[in-house]
Amino acid sequence: MRGASYQVEASIRGSPADERRQIRQTHAKPLVDALHRYLTEQQACISRKSVTAEAIGYAMNHWVALTRFLDDGRIEIDNNAAERSLRGIALGRKNYLFLGSDAGGERAATLYSLLETAKLNGMNPEAYLREVLTVIADYPVNRVEELLPWRLQADAAK
């Protein structure tokens, strides 16, 4: 199911949400339904105390969440993009023990959030930070929200 479902996803990547939903209903839903039947059959045949039974039970208990992508074309099949964006934070977590204080940690979290948001808005984080740092000293404090990544991107598109 996994390989076939990802083939369906590859064929609809970049398509509008309504089209993605329709193609998923036609091509991926039968695969997911077959997996559900298989897991149900296996659950009846194996020891309830086995590791496999625990894994199947977990999948069945979360079935609605696991299959939500079928009914909403805006939702990705997995959370790989989110995990990729957090990888840098996870890799550096031991270094973050030395930020000096809670306030330093909060500043680091704000900076990471800004840079990841810039990436999500299709901007080069270094270029974004360079732009903001060149203007922020003289920028009116009541208009600082204009420097957020989605605002600068919208201004650049004009």
Protein backbone atom coordinates (compact mmCIF):
# COMPACT_ATOMS: atom_id res chain seq x y z
CA MET A 1 0.00 0.00 0.00
CA ARG A 2 2.72 2.46 0.95
CA GLY A 3 4.58 2.36 -2.35
CA ALA A 4 1.39 2.49 -4.40
CA SER A 5 -0.05 5.33 -2.31
CA TYR A 6 3.12 7.36 -2.75
CA GLN A 7 2.95 6.76 -6.51
CA VAL A 8 -0.53 8.28 -6.46
CA GLU A 9 0.84 11.22 -4.46
CA ALA A 10 3.71 11.71 -6.91
CA SER A 11 1.23 11.91 -9.78
CA ILE A 12 -0.84 14.68 -8.10
CA ARG A 13 1.92 16.75 -6.51
CA GLY A 14 1.26 20.43 -7.19
CA SER A 15 -2.34 19.85 -8.33
CA PRO A 16 -5.27 21.80 -6.88
CA ALA A 17 -6.77 20.40 -3.66
CA ASP A 18 -10.08 19.37 -5.28
CA GLU A 19 -8.26 17.40 -7.96
CA ARG A 20 -5.97 15.76 -5.40
CA ARG A 21 -8.99 14.68 -3.34
CA GLN A 22 -10.78 13.26 -6.38
CA ILE A 23 -7.75 11.26 -7.57
CA ARG A 24 -7.09 9.99 -4.04
CA GLN A 25 -10.68 8.81 -3.76
CA THR A 26 -10.36 6.96 -7.06
CA HIS A 27 -6.87 5.49 -6.71
CA ALA A 28 -5.64 5.63 -3.09
CA LYS A 29 -8.86 4.90 -1.18
CA PRO A 30 -9.17 1.33 -2.56
CA LEU A 31 -5.57 0.70 -1.43
CA VAL A 32 -6.27 2.06 2.04
CA ASP A 33 -9.50 0.06 2.28
CA ALA A 34 -7.59 -3.11 1.33
CA LEU A 35 -5.00 -2.36 4.03
CA HIS A 36 -7.78 -1.93 6.60
CA ARG A 37 -9.29 -5.29 5.66
CA TYR A 38 -5.86 -6.95 5.85
CA LEU A 39 -5.09 -5.47 9.26
CA THR A 40 -8.51 -6.53 10.56
CA GLU A 41 -7.91 -10.10 9.34
CA GLN A 42 -4.43 -10.20 10.86
CA GLN A 43 -5.64 -8.80 14.16
CA ALA A 44 -7.97 -11.79 14.50
CA CYS A 45 -5.18 -14.30 13.77
CA ILE A 46 -2.33 -13.18 16.01
CA SER A 47 -1.72 -13.15 19.73
CA ARG A 48 -3.11 -9.99 21.34
CA LYS A 49 0.08 -9.65 23.39
CA SER A 50 2.46 -9.66 20.41
CA VAL A 51 4.35 -6.59 19.20
CA THR A 52 2.63 -6.95 15.84
CA ALA A 53 -0.79 -6.87 17.52
CA GLU A 54 0.23 -3.69 19.35
CA ALA A 55 1.28 -2.08 16.06
CA ILE A 56 -1.94 -3.10 14.33
CA GLY A 57 -3.97 -1.88 17.31
CA TYR A 58 -2.21 1.46 17.20
CA ALA A 59 -2.95 1.84 13.49
CA MET A 60 -6.58 0.87 13.97
CA ASN A 61 -7.01 3.24 16.92
CA HIS A 62 -5.65 6.11 14.79
CA TRP A 63 -7.33 5.10 11.55
CA VAL A 64 -9.32 8.33 11.15
CA ALA A 65 -6.16 10.44 11.44
CA LEU A 66 -4.16 8.08 9.22
CA THR A 67 -6.72 8.31 6.42
CA ARG A 68 -7.71 11.98 6.73
CA PHE A 69 -5.62 12.83 3.65
CA LEU A 70 -8.10 10.90 1.48
CA ASP A 71 -10.90 13.39 2.13
CA ASP A 72 -8.93 16.64 2.07
CA GLY A 73 -6.67 17.46 -0.86
CA ARG A 74 -4.87 20.13 1.19
CA ILE A 75 -3.43 17.54 3.56
CA GLU A 76 -0.22 15.70 2.73
CA ILE A 77 -0.04 11.93 3.02
CA ASP A 78 2.64 12.21 5.72
CA ASN A 79 4.36 14.77 7.91
CA ASN A 80 7.80 14.48 6.30
CA ALA A 81 7.96 18.20 5.42
CA ALA A 82 7.36 19.20 9.04
CA GLU A 83 9.92 16.70 10.30
CA ARG A 84 12.51 17.93 7.79
CA SER A 85 12.01 21.52 8.93
CA LEU A 86 12.56 20.49 12.56
CA ARG A 87 15.63 18.35 11.89
CA GLY A 88 18.06 21.22 12.46
CA ILE A 89 16.49 21.99 15.80
CA ALA A 90 16.62 18.35 16.87
CA LEU A 91 20.26 18.03 15.83
CA GLY A 92 21.28 21.07 17.84
CA ARG A 93 19.25 20.43 20.98
CA LYS A 94 22.33 19.61 23.11
CA ASN A 95 23.88 22.90 22.03
CA TYR A 96 20.76 24.73 23.16
CA LEU A 97 21.50 23.78 26.75
CA PHE A 98 24.13 26.51 26.63
CA LEU A 99 21.94 29.42 25.51
CA GLY A 100 22.61 31.09 28.83
CA SER A 101 19.11 31.71 30.11
CA ASP A 102 15.42 31.20 29.48
CA ALA A 103 15.35 34.56 27.71
CA GLY A 104 18.17 33.39 25.42
CA GLY A 105 16.19 30.27 24.64
CA GLU A 106 13.11 32.34 23.84
CA ARG A 107 15.13 34.57 21.51
CA ALA A 108 16.57 31.51 19.77
CA ALA A 109 13.06 30.05 19.37
CA THR A 110 11.83 33.33 17.85
CA LEU A 111 14.73 33.41 15.43
CA TYR A 112 14.22 29.78 14.39
CA SER A 113 10.51 30.44 13.88
CA LEU A 114 11.23 33.44 11.66
CA LEU A 115 13.79 31.58 9.56
CA GLU A 116 11.60 28.50 9.12
CA THR A 117 8.67 30.75 8.19
CA ALA A 118 10.86 32.45 5.60
CA LYS A 119 11.67 29.02 4.14
CA LEU A 120 8.00 28.04 4.09
CA ASN A 121 7.29 31.25 2.17
CA GLY A 122 9.86 30.33 -0.46
CA MET A 123 12.48 32.82 0.70
CA ASN A 124 16.19 32.32 1.23
CA PRO A 125 16.48 32.63 5.04
CA GLU A 126 19.89 34.31 4.86
CA ALA A 127 18.66 36.89 2.35
CA TYR A 128 15.54 37.47 4.45
CA LEU A 129 17.57 38.01 7.62
CA ARG A 130 20.01 40.29 5.78
CA GLU A 131 17.11 42.42 4.48
CA VAL A 132 15.47 42.70 7.89
CA LEU A 133 18.72 43.51 9.69
CA THR A 134 19.54 46.31 7.23
CA VAL A 135 16.26 48.15 7.85
CA ILE A 136 15.06 47.24 11.35
CA ALA A 137 17.16 49.79 13.30
CA ASP A 138 15.30 52.71 11.68
CA TYR A 139 11.97 50.92 11.24
CA PRO A 140 8.93 52.25 13.13
CA VAL A 141 8.14 49.84 15.96
CA ASN A 142 4.40 50.05 15.26
CA ARG A 143 4.99 48.74 11.70
CA VAL A 144 7.46 45.93 12.45
CA GLU A 145 4.89 43.30 11.33
CA GLU A 146 5.58 44.52 7.77
CA LEU A 147 8.94 42.76 8.07
CA LEU A 148 7.44 39.30 8.57
CA PRO A 149 8.33 36.84 5.78
CA TRP A 150 4.89 36.63 4.17
CA ARG A 151 4.62 40.44 4.10
CA LEU A 152 8.04 40.97 2.53
CA GLN A 153 7.32 38.24 -0.01
CA ALA A 154 4.02 39.89 -0.93
CA ASP A 155 5.74 43.27 -1.27
CA ALA A 156 8.46 41.76 -3.47
CA ALA A 157 5.81 40.24 -5.76
CA LYS A 158 4.24 43.68 -6.44
